[in-house]
Amino acid sequence: MSDLEQVLSRLAADAAFADALRERPQTVLRGYDLGGDDLRRLEAVLGGAVTLAQLLEPGSAS
């Protein structure tokens, strides 16, 4: 499982993690190896532009 998949799984399952991620992303994401594309996808989910389901859809280009 990639680091992005780990973050997204935790985001979906843990409301406290989601809140912390919105408040202090640099601290919360320390230890995860996320590239620029990963961070853009994560920002899209947090901003409401994309749902987790859409992002994780097979063949999704988001």
Protein backbone atom coordinates (compact mmCIF):
# COMPACT_ATOMS: atom_id res chain seq x y z
CA MET A 1 0.00 0.00 0.00
CA SER A 2 1.43 3.38 -1.00
CA ASP A 3 1.79 6.18 1.50
CA LEU A 4 -1.02 8.08 -0.27
CA GLU A 5 -3.30 5.05 0.08
CA GLN A 6 -2.41 4.84 3.77
CA VAL A 7 -3.23 8.53 4.31
CA LEU A 8 -6.51 8.24 2.37
CA SER A 9 -7.54 5.12 4.27
CA ARG A 10 -6.84 6.77 7.57
CA LEU A 11 -8.61 9.95 6.42
CA ALA A 12 -11.73 7.92 5.63
CA ALA A 13 -11.70 6.03 8.92
CA ASP A 14 -10.43 8.51 11.50
CA ALA A 15 -12.23 11.84 12.00
CA ALA A 16 -9.55 13.08 14.42
CA PHE A 17 -6.86 12.41 11.80
CA ALA A 18 -8.91 14.29 9.21
CA ASP A 19 -9.26 17.29 11.55
CA ALA A 20 -5.56 17.25 12.38
CA LEU A 21 -4.68 16.97 8.70
CA ARG A 22 -6.70 20.09 7.93
CA GLU A 23 -5.20 22.02 10.86
CA ARG A 24 -1.54 20.96 10.70
CA PRO A 25 -0.84 19.04 7.50
CA GLN A 26 2.95 19.30 7.64
CA THR A 27 3.05 17.78 11.11
CA VAL A 28 0.47 15.09 10.41
CA LEU A 29 2.08 14.04 7.12
CA ARG A 30 5.59 13.80 8.56
CA GLY A 31 6.80 10.28 7.98
CA TYR A 32 4.75 9.74 4.85
CA ASP A 33 6.53 9.87 1.49
CA LEU A 34 4.16 11.92 -0.67
CA GLY A 35 5.12 13.49 -3.98
CA GLY A 36 3.64 16.57 -5.59
CA ASP A 37 0.91 14.62 -7.40
CA ASP A 38 0.00 12.84 -4.17
CA LEU A 39 -0.30 16.15 -2.32
CA ARG A 40 -2.48 17.64 -5.08
CA ARG A 41 -4.81 14.64 -4.90
CA LEU A 42 -4.98 14.91 -1.13
CA GLU A 43 -5.70 18.65 -1.36
CA ALA A 44 -8.52 17.94 -3.84
CA VAL A 45 -10.11 15.54 -1.36
CA LEU A 46 -9.71 17.91 1.59
CA GLY A 47 -11.06 20.81 -0.45
CA GLY A 48 -14.13 18.86 -1.51
CA ALA A 49 -13.31 18.98 -5.23
CA VAL A 50 -13.00 15.18 -5.35
CA THR A 51 -14.44 12.48 -3.11
CA LEU A 52 -12.36 9.62 -1.79
CA ALA A 53 -14.43 7.23 -3.90
CA GLN A 54 -13.72 9.21 -7.07
CA LEU A 55 -10.01 9.39 -6.30
CA LEU A 56 -9.73 5.69 -5.65
CA GLU A 57 -11.77 4.70 -8.72
CA PRO A 58 -9.76 2.46 -11.06
CA GLY A 59 -8.48 4.48 -14.00
CA SER A 60 -9.08 7.79 -12.27
CA ALA A 61 -6.83 10.52 -13.63
CA SER A 62 -7.48 12.95 -10.76
